[in-house]
Protein backbone atom coordinates (compact mmCIF):
# COMPACT_ATOMS: atom_id res chain seq x y z
CA UNK A 1 153.64 -34.14 12.52
CA UNK A 2 153.24 -31.57 14.97
CA UNK A 3 149.55 -30.30 13.31
CA UNK A 4 146.76 -31.38 12.78
CA UNK A 5 144.93 -33.01 9.98
CA UNK A 6 141.31 -33.66 9.92
CA UNK A 7 141.07 -34.89 6.04
CA UNK A 8 144.28 -37.29 7.10
CA UNK A 9 142.38 -38.33 10.31
CA UNK A 10 138.99 -39.29 7.93
CA UNK A 11 142.11 -41.39 4.93
CA UNK A 12 143.76 -43.19 7.31
CA UNK A 13 139.94 -44.60 8.95
CA UNK A 14 138.75 -45.65 5.66
CA UNK A 15 141.81 -47.19 4.59
CA UNK A 16 142.63 -49.54 7.60
CA UNK A 17 139.16 -50.06 8.35
CA UNK A 18 137.23 -52.10 5.74
CA UNK A 19 134.10 -53.00 7.80
CA UNK A 20 131.54 -50.71 8.69
CA UNK A 21 132.15 -49.68 12.83
CA UNK A 22 131.03 -47.10 14.89
CA UNK A 23 133.80 -44.37 15.41
CA UNK A 24 134.38 -41.29 17.51
CA UNK A 25 136.64 -38.32 16.19
CA UNK A 26 137.54 -36.52 19.26
CA UNK A 27 139.05 -33.02 18.73
CA UNK A 28 138.47 -29.56 19.17
CA UNK A 29 138.17 -29.02 15.95
CA UNK A 30 140.85 -26.80 15.21
CA UNK A 31 142.53 -27.20 11.89
CA UNK A 32 145.80 -25.91 11.39
CA UNK A 33 146.26 -27.32 7.93
CA UNK A 34 141.94 -27.39 7.02
CA UNK A 35 141.51 -27.13 2.82
CA UNK A 36 137.95 -26.91 3.21
CA UNK A 37 137.23 -29.22 -0.09
CA UNK A 38 139.68 -31.64 1.21
CA UNK A 39 138.15 -31.73 4.54
CA UNK A 40 134.63 -32.08 3.41
CA UNK A 41 135.45 -34.90 0.65
CA UNK A 42 136.76 -37.06 3.34
CA UNK A 43 134.22 -36.54 5.74
CA UNK A 44 132.08 -37.52 2.62
CA UNK A 45 133.57 -40.48 2.31
CA UNK A 46 134.26 -41.83 6.12
CA UNK A 47 130.69 -41.31 7.18
CA UNK A 48 129.21 -43.56 3.65
CA UNK A 49 131.07 -46.37 5.14
CA UNK A 50 131.73 -45.95 8.24
CA UNK A 51 128.85 -44.30 11.27
CA UNK A 52 130.85 -41.46 12.53
CA UNK A 53 130.69 -39.52 16.01
CA UNK A 54 132.42 -36.38 16.53
CA UNK A 55 132.86 -34.71 20.52
CA UNK A 56 134.34 -31.59 19.92
CA UNK A 57 136.37 -30.47 23.60
CA UNK A 58 136.76 -26.73 24.54
CA UNK A 59 138.42 -25.03 27.03
CA UNK A 60 135.74 -21.86 27.88
CA UNK A 61 138.25 -19.93 26.87
CA UNK A 62 138.65 -21.18 23.28
CA UNK A 63 135.26 -19.49 23.05
CA UNK A 64 135.79 -16.49 25.36
CA UNK A 65 138.47 -14.92 26.56
CA UNK A 66 138.84 -12.75 29.57
CA UNK A 67 139.59 -9.26 30.79
CA UNK A 68 142.67 -10.17 31.60
CA UNK A 69 145.53 -7.36 30.44
CA UNK A 70 148.00 -8.31 26.95
CA UNK A 71 148.79 -11.97 27.07
CA UNK A 72 150.93 -13.70 25.05
CA UNK A 73 149.58 -16.90 23.39
CA UNK A 74 151.31 -19.61 21.54
CA UNK A 75 149.60 -21.93 19.58
CA UNK A 76 150.81 -25.92 20.66
CA UNK A 77 151.27 -26.68 16.61
CA UNK A 78 153.43 -24.56 15.43
CA UNK A 79 154.97 -23.14 17.97
CA UNK A 80 154.00 -19.59 16.75
CA UNK A 81 153.57 -16.48 19.23
CA UNK A 82 150.71 -13.48 18.86
CA UNK A 83 150.20 -11.01 22.20
CA UNK A 84 146.58 -10.11 22.06
CA UNK A 85 145.29 -7.25 24.11
CA UNK A 86 141.77 -9.51 26.37
CA UNK A 87 141.32 -5.31 28.12
CA UNK A 88 140.22 -4.57 24.27
CA UNK A 89 136.10 -4.96 23.82
CA UNK A 90 136.94 -5.16 20.68
CA UNK A 91 139.89 -8.23 20.64
CA UNK A 92 136.98 -10.39 22.38
CA UNK A 93 134.52 -10.02 20.40
CA UNK A 94 136.63 -10.86 17.28
CA UNK A 95 137.72 -14.25 19.08
CA UNK A 96 134.16 -15.18 20.14
CA UNK A 97 132.99 -14.45 16.97
CA UNK A 98 135.75 -15.99 15.19
CA UNK A 99 135.59 -19.11 17.53
CA UNK A 100 132.23 -19.25 16.70
CA UNK A 101 132.31 -19.21 12.75
CA UNK A 102 134.77 -21.22 12.59
CA UNK A 103 133.04 -24.04 15.44
CA UNK A 104 129.48 -23.45 13.10
CA UNK A 105 131.32 -24.18 10.01
CA UNK A 106 132.66 -27.41 11.27
CA UNK A 107 129.79 -28.43 12.99
CA UNK A 108 127.33 -27.90 9.59
CA UNK A 109 129.54 -30.17 7.09
CA UNK A 110 129.34 -33.10 10.01
CA UNK A 111 126.11 -32.55 10.32
CA UNK A 112 125.23 -32.40 6.86
CA UNK A 113 126.98 -36.44 6.39
CA UNK A 114 124.84 -37.60 9.26
CA UNK A 115 127.94 -37.40 11.75
CA UNK A 116 126.53 -36.68 15.10
CA UNK A 117 128.08 -33.53 16.83
CA UNK A 118 128.69 -33.93 21.29
CA UNK A 119 130.57 -30.68 22.82
CA UNK A 120 132.32 -31.34 26.18
CA UNK A 121 133.98 -28.73 28.47
CA UNK A 122 137.40 -29.74 29.91
CA UNK A 123 135.89 -28.32 33.00
CA UNK A 124 132.17 -30.32 32.55
CA UNK A 125 130.79 -33.29 33.11
CA UNK A 126 131.82 -35.24 30.08
CA UNK A 127 129.19 -38.38 30.86
CA UNK A 128 126.63 -36.22 30.97
CA UNK A 129 127.12 -34.95 27.53
CA UNK A 130 128.22 -38.58 26.11
CA UNK A 131 124.69 -39.62 27.73
CA UNK A 132 122.47 -37.02 25.81
CA UNK A 133 124.31 -38.22 22.44
CA UNK A 134 123.24 -41.92 22.80
CA UNK A 135 120.07 -40.77 23.78
CA UNK A 136 119.49 -39.14 20.32
CA UNK A 137 120.50 -42.44 18.07
């Protein structure tokens, strides 16, 4: 498919790997088919059978829109397009608040199920963040 479904990825992991293993879940965690109860179940089951480390890869524009006027945005997974006026403070604030809410909810769900989480910016040094994650363990 063309869309992200983290629940299915975790179900596949549990079905394929019978022995306990260390797994890295590398994603932007923008799950276009999020069914929260299914995701909670999948994370709970997978983390009970495997040692999972989640790595959220993000672009700074995922978190905060720059003020550059009107943009046409296209969802890479669904192909849907939307026009956005980034010169509006309310639009930029809504964008940031929506990202923060989704990210916080995902981080909380993962941490409640003993999954370590690290953030890695697309323009950042991933080695530093990975080293921090391993040192915390």
